[in-house]
Amino acid sequence: MTFTITIPGIIRLVAVTTPDEVLAVNDASMVQRSLSGRGGLVNRLVAARFAVFRSPDGDIWPAFRDRPDLLRGERQTALEARLSNVEPLLRRIAPEIAELGDYVRDGVAHRSTGVIVQQAVGRLFFADYAASEKSYDAARILQSWLSAWPLHAFWIRRSGALQASLDRIMDLSRGDMACAHATALAVDNIVRSIKLMRRLARHGDNLAKIGPQDALARTLRAPSHVVREVRDEGSAGPVRLRARSLVLLAVESARRQSADPSFAFFAGAWNRCPAHGIVPALLAEVWQAARTDTRGCT
């Protein structure tokens, strides 16, 4: 299902919610990640939100690079290759997986779930990455920045929290923008999945009955929405798109309607998540760790 909102001078928006249409629009050549700010007041405000994820030298976080960008393609391929070494990476983050398994089983952790997940994700990039409550707070502020109402967004920027959060995340990521994106923005989907695992484990004997792959299928979550812009008027499958419209792809809603679990990662698409292999494996390992008691028995 697709619906359009047009208020001249205010907003030009297309919301896409079904799997086939989300994939078609995502793949359309006239649809881009970069936002011009044209099309109305709301379009300008949204473009301004995304503009902060650009460094002073013009480099930009990978999730905001367009398809023709050669640097995007090179970096995506290289990162995908690094993250495809699933077993060694899982061994690297075994302590974090054990902590998360304890949380899923008992609901108890020595530090917040978000911090543990952020550290696990960071250590996929740097073996000595060390997350903290402050670094996870920085991630939460950046997540809030993208969805905040105008007054809240104004306060986040004016208070200095926005720049401080960007600086903290980039410092921990050692300037690696893929690591920054993963540990600040993408990490939230994994946190949601872990909390859903805890909820699933609390009911009856689910922890004993449900295997890791089934638990993964029940708890894997995609981003709620991603934003695009239509550069030139055209069609993407059955969806008619007007130039300079914002496009809201309801990825999680579409994922729930799809029989393909890889939908959450746009696997097979030009913008597939480089972590499409390691994240499901990490979540399955967490569930398996939760099923294993302190004597190593399941």
Protein backbone atom coordinates (compact mmCIF):
# COMPACT_ATOMS: atom_id res chain seq x y z
CA MET A 1 0.00 0.00 0.00
CA THR A 2 1.24 3.47 -0.91
CA PHE A 3 -0.16 6.82 0.08
CA THR A 4 0.86 10.36 -0.80
CA ILE A 5 0.69 13.58 1.20
CA THR A 6 1.06 16.86 -0.67
CA ILE A 7 0.64 20.27 0.96
CA PRO A 8 2.11 22.94 -1.32
CA GLY A 9 5.04 24.68 0.31
CA ILE A 10 4.92 22.35 3.32
CA ILE A 11 5.46 18.73 2.32
CA ARG A 12 5.56 16.33 -0.59
CA LEU A 13 5.71 12.78 0.77
CA VAL A 14 5.19 9.25 -0.52
CA ALA A 15 4.92 6.44 2.08
CA VAL A 16 5.49 2.88 0.85
CA THR A 17 4.59 -0.12 3.02
CA THR A 18 4.30 -3.37 1.00
CA PRO A 19 7.33 -5.58 0.29
CA ASP A 20 7.19 -5.53 -3.51
CA GLU A 21 6.68 -1.78 -3.64
CA VAL A 22 9.41 -1.09 -1.07
CA LEU A 23 11.87 -3.14 -3.13
CA ALA A 24 10.78 -1.51 -6.39
CA VAL A 25 11.10 2.03 -5.03
CA ASN A 26 14.41 1.25 -3.32
CA ASP A 27 15.78 -0.01 -6.64
CA ALA A 28 14.41 2.81 -8.81
CA SER A 29 17.13 4.85 -10.50
CA MET A 30 15.37 8.16 -9.83
CA VAL A 31 15.24 7.53 -6.07
CA GLN A 32 18.28 8.62 -4.08
CA ARG A 33 19.54 8.68 -0.52
CA SER A 34 20.86 12.25 -0.60
CA LEU A 35 18.23 14.85 0.22
CA SER A 36 18.09 18.21 -1.55
CA GLY A 37 15.64 19.89 0.84
CA ARG A 38 13.42 20.88 -2.07
CA GLY A 39 9.68 20.15 -2.09
CA GLY A 40 8.49 22.01 1.01
CA LEU A 41 9.30 23.07 4.55
CA VAL A 42 9.25 19.52 5.94
CA ASN A 43 11.54 18.37 3.13
CA ARG A 44 14.06 21.07 4.11
CA LEU A 45 13.88 20.16 7.79
CA VAL A 46 14.46 16.47 7.09
CA ALA A 47 17.38 17.23 4.78
CA ALA A 48 18.94 19.35 7.53
CA ARG A 49 18.69 16.43 9.98
CA PHE A 50 20.67 14.15 7.67
CA ALA A 51 23.27 16.81 6.83
CA VAL A 52 24.95 16.44 10.24
CA PHE A 53 26.24 12.99 9.25
CA ARG A 54 28.83 14.59 6.99
CA SER A 55 32.40 15.34 8.03
CA PRO A 56 34.04 18.76 7.55
CA ASP A 57 35.98 17.38 4.57
CA GLY A 58 32.75 16.33 2.84
CA ASP A 59 32.85 12.61 3.62
CA ILE A 60 29.51 11.14 4.65
CA TRP A 61 28.28 8.16 6.64
CA PRO A 62 27.78 5.13 4.36
CA ALA A 63 24.01 4.82 4.81
CA PHE A 64 23.56 8.24 3.20
CA ARG A 65 25.64 7.61 0.06
CA ASP A 66 23.87 7.19 -3.29
CA ARG A 67 24.07 4.20 -5.61
CA PRO A 68 26.38 5.78 -8.26
CA ASP A 69 28.93 6.73 -5.57
CA LEU A 70 32.01 4.64 -6.40
CA LEU A 71 33.46 5.09 -2.93
CA ARG A 72 30.22 3.71 -1.45
CA GLY A 73 30.47 0.60 -3.61
CA GLU A 74 34.13 -0.01 -2.79
CA ARG A 75 33.66 0.44 0.94
CA GLN A 76 30.50 -1.65 1.02
CA THR A 77 32.21 -4.55 -0.78
CA ALA A 78 35.24 -4.39 1.49
CA LEU A 79 33.17 -4.28 4.68
CA GLU A 80 30.89 -7.07 3.50
CA ALA A 81 33.98 -9.23 2.94
CA ARG A 82 35.31 -8.43 6.43
CA LEU A 83 32.02 -9.22 8.13
CA SER A 84 31.59 -12.47 6.20
CA ASN A 85 34.18 -14.12 8.48
CA VAL A 86 31.36 -15.00 10.82
CA GLU A 87 32.90 -17.67 13.05
CA PRO A 88 36.07 -15.74 13.99
CA LEU A 89 34.01 -12.63 14.64
CA LEU A 90 31.60 -14.52 16.88
CA ARG A 91 34.55 -15.88 18.86
CA ARG A 92 35.87 -12.31 19.23
CA ILE A 93 32.62 -11.14 20.82
CA ALA A 94 31.94 -14.31 22.81
CA PRO A 95 32.01 -12.43 26.17
CA GLU A 96 29.33 -10.01 24.98
CA ILE A 97 27.24 -12.88 23.59
CA ALA A 98 27.46 -14.62 26.98
CA GLU A 99 26.34 -11.43 28.76
CA LEU A 100 23.40 -11.03 26.43
CA GLY A 101 22.52 -14.69 26.85
CA ASP A 102 22.39 -14.21 30.62
CA TYR A 103 20.08 -11.25 30.13
CA VAL A 104 17.76 -13.18 27.82
CA ARG A 105 17.60 -16.11 30.25
CA ASP A 106 17.44 -14.29 33.61
CA GLY A 107 16.63 -10.66 32.80
CA VAL A 108 19.75 -9.61 34.70
CA ALA A 109 22.88 -7.92 33.37
CA HIS A 110 25.75 -6.09 35.06
CA ARG A 111 25.37 -3.21 32.58
CA SER A 112 22.65 -2.05 30.21
CA THR A 113 21.70 -4.16 27.24
CA GLY A 114 22.40 -1.26 24.91
CA VAL A 115 25.98 -0.89 26.14
CA ILE A 116 26.64 -4.62 25.69
CA VAL A 117 25.20 -4.62 22.18
CA GLN A 118 27.09 -1.46 21.21
CA GLN A 119 30.35 -3.00 22.42
CA ALA A 120 29.67 -6.25 20.55
CA VAL A 121 29.00 -4.35 17.33
CA GLY A 122 32.01 -2.09 17.84
CA ARG A 123 34.27 -5.10 18.34
CA LEU A 124 33.27 -6.41 14.93
CA PHE A 125 35.36 -3.47 13.70
CA PHE A 126 37.98 -3.04 16.43
CA ALA A 127 38.81 -5.85 18.85
CA ASP A 128 39.44 -3.39 21.69
CA TYR A 129 36.32 -1.25 21.21
CA ALA A 130 34.96 -0.37 24.66
CA ALA A 131 31.41 0.95 24.99
CA SER A 132 30.06 2.75 28.05
CA GLU A 133 26.87 4.32 29.28
CA LYS A 134 28.13 7.62 27.85
CA SER A 135 28.78 6.15 24.41
CA TYR A 136 25.39 4.46 24.34
CA ASP A 137 23.73 7.71 25.46
CA ALA A 138 25.47 9.36 22.50
CA ALA A 139 23.96 6.75 20.20
CA ARG A 140 20.51 7.33 21.65
CA ILE A 141 20.83 11.08 21.16
CA LEU A 142 21.73 10.60 17.49
CA GLN A 143 18.77 8.25 17.06
CA SER A 144 16.50 10.81 18.73
CA TRP A 145 17.87 13.58 16.52
CA LEU A 146 16.58 11.84 13.40
CA SER A 147 13.01 11.52 14.66
CA ALA A 148 12.64 14.43 17.09
CA TRP A 149 9.95 17.08 16.71
CA PRO A 150 11.34 20.53 15.74
CA LEU A 151 11.52 21.97 19.27
CA HIS A 152 13.23 18.88 20.64
CA ALA A 153 15.65 18.86 17.71
CA PHE A 154 16.41 22.54 18.34
CA TRP A 155 17.21 21.75 21.98
CA ILE A 156 19.45 18.80 21.06
CA ARG A 157 21.51 21.02 18.76
CA ARG A 158 21.46 24.15 20.93
CA SER A 159 22.47 22.27 24.08
CA GLY A 160 25.59 20.94 22.38
CA ALA A 161 24.41 17.34 22.85
CA LEU A 162 24.28 16.71 19.11
CA GLN A 163 27.87 17.67 18.38
CA ALA A 164 29.14 16.04 21.56
CA SER A 165 27.42 12.79 20.59
CA LEU A 166 28.80 12.90 17.05
CA ASP A 167 32.29 13.55 18.41
CA ARG A 168 32.08 10.72 20.95
CA ILE A 169 30.85 8.19 18.41
CA MET A 170 33.44 9.21 15.82
CA ASP A 171 36.26 9.13 18.38
CA LEU A 172 35.34 5.61 19.48
CA SER A 173 35.02 4.59 15.83
CA ARG A 174 38.47 6.04 15.06
CA GLY A 175 37.04 7.95 12.14
CA ASP A 176 35.56 4.81 10.56
CA MET A 177 32.15 5.97 9.37
CA ALA A 178 30.83 2.44 8.89
CA CYS A 179 31.65 1.68 12.53
CA ALA A 180 30.06 4.98 13.57
CA HIS A 181 26.84 4.17 11.72
CA ALA A 182 26.74 0.62 13.10
CA THR A 183 27.36 1.63 16.73
CA ALA A 184 25.13 4.72 16.71
CA LEU A 185 22.20 4.10 14.38
CA ALA A 186 22.05 0.43 13.34
CA VAL A 187 22.66 -0.86 16.86
CA ASP A 188 19.11 -0.01 17.92
CA ASN A 189 17.60 -2.80 15.80
CA ILE A 190 19.76 -5.38 17.57
CA VAL A 191 18.83 -3.99 20.98
CA ARG A 192 15.16 -4.32 20.06
CA SER A 193 15.71 -7.93 18.99
CA ILE A 194 17.51 -8.80 22.24
CA LYS A 195 14.68 -7.33 24.31
CA LEU A 196 12.15 -9.31 22.28
CA MET A 197 14.21 -12.45 22.95
CA ARG A 198 14.00 -11.75 26.67
CA ARG A 199 10.22 -11.37 26.37
CA LEU A 200 10.01 -14.61 24.39
CA ALA A 201 12.15 -16.50 26.92
CA ARG A 202 9.94 -15.43 29.84
CA HIS A 203 6.90 -17.38 28.63
CA GLY A 204 6.50 -21.01 29.62
CA ASP A 205 9.29 -23.28 28.44
CA ASN A 206 10.00 -21.32 25.26
CA LEU A 207 13.70 -21.24 26.00
CA ALA A 208 13.85 -25.02 25.98
CA LYS A 209 11.42 -25.60 23.11
CA ILE A 210 12.40 -22.91 20.61
CA GLY A 211 15.62 -23.33 18.67
CA PRO A 212 17.99 -20.47 17.76
CA GLN A 213 16.81 -20.11 14.16
CA ASP A 214 13.15 -20.03 15.18
CA ALA A 215 13.92 -17.48 17.90
CA LEU A 216 15.81 -15.41 15.34
CA ALA A 217 12.85 -15.46 12.95
CA ARG A 218 10.51 -14.32 15.73
CA THR A 219 12.65 -11.48 17.03
CA LEU A 220 14.66 -10.07 14.12
CA ARG A 221 13.69 -6.47 13.46
CA ALA A 222 14.44 -4.06 10.62
CA PRO A 223 14.58 -0.25 10.74
CA SER A 224 11.08 1.16 11.12
CA HIS A 225 11.59 3.54 8.19
CA VAL A 226 14.27 4.77 5.84
CA VAL A 227 14.05 8.05 3.94
CA ARG A 228 14.74 8.66 0.27
CA GLU A 229 14.08 11.45 -2.22
CA VAL A 230 12.77 11.30 -5.79
CA ARG A 231 15.19 13.14 -8.07
CA ASP A 232 13.11 13.00 -11.27
CA GLU A 233 9.48 12.12 -11.86
CA GLY A 234 8.85 8.51 -12.83
CA SER A 235 7.44 5.15 -11.80
CA ALA A 236 8.76 2.33 -9.65
CA GLY A 237 6.59 -0.69 -10.40
CA PRO A 238 3.03 0.45 -9.72
CA VAL A 239 4.16 3.46 -7.65
CA ARG A 240 4.03 6.85 -9.34
CA LEU A 241 6.65 9.25 -7.98
CA ARG A 242 6.73 13.02 -8.31
CA ALA A 243 10.05 14.83 -8.50
CA ARG A 244 11.47 16.10 -5.18
CA SER A 245 9.08 14.02 -3.10
CA LEU A 246 10.35 12.54 0.13
CA VAL A 247 9.91 8.78 0.17
CA LEU A 248 9.31 6.94 3.43
CA LEU A 249 10.04 3.23 3.07
CA ALA A 250 8.34 1.36 5.92
CA VAL A 251 10.95 -1.40 6.06
CA GLU A 252 9.82 -3.12 9.27
CA SER A 253 6.17 -3.14 8.22
CA ALA A 254 7.16 -4.61 4.84
CA ARG A 255 9.45 -7.17 6.51
CA ARG A 256 6.54 -8.49 8.58
CA GLN A 257 4.60 -9.07 5.37
CA SER A 258 7.51 -10.82 3.64
CA ALA A 259 8.36 -14.50 3.88
CA ASP A 260 12.05 -13.71 3.31
CA PRO A 261 13.98 -13.01 6.56
CA SER A 262 16.76 -11.33 4.58
CA PHE A 263 14.33 -8.53 3.73
CA ALA A 264 15.45 -6.75 6.90
CA PHE A 265 18.88 -6.24 5.32
CA PHE A 266 17.84 -5.50 1.72
CA ALA A 267 19.92 -8.58 0.90
CA GLY A 268 20.51 -8.80 -2.83
CA ALA A 269 19.83 -5.09 -3.39
CA TRP A 270 22.45 -2.47 -4.28
CA ASN A 271 22.28 -1.09 -0.73
CA ARG A 272 22.34 -4.42 1.10
CA CYS A 273 23.57 -4.17 4.67
CA PRO A 274 27.15 -5.52 4.84
CA ALA A 275 26.21 -7.17 8.16
CA HIS A 276 23.47 -9.32 6.60
CA GLY A 277 25.32 -12.48 7.66
CA ILE A 278 26.86 -11.59 11.00
CA VAL A 279 23.82 -10.00 12.68
CA PRO A 280 21.51 -13.04 12.33
CA ALA A 281 24.37 -15.27 13.45
CA LEU A 282 24.99 -13.06 16.48
CA LEU A 283 21.33 -13.14 17.50
CA ALA A 284 21.11 -16.91 17.07
CA GLU A 285 24.23 -17.31 19.24
CA VAL A 286 22.68 -15.13 21.95
CA TRP A 287 19.60 -17.36 22.09
CA GLN A 288 21.80 -20.46 22.19
CA ALA A 289 23.83 -18.92 25.01
CA ALA A 290 20.60 -18.25 26.92
CA ARG A 291 19.63 -21.92 26.54
CA THR A 292 22.94 -23.07 28.00
CA ASP A 293 23.13 -23.13 31.77
CA THR A 294 26.29 -22.61 33.81
CA ARG A 295 27.21 -26.29 33.51
CA GLY A 296 27.27 -26.05 29.73
CA CYS A 297 24.07 -28.12 29.34
CA THR A 298 21.05 -27.22 27.20
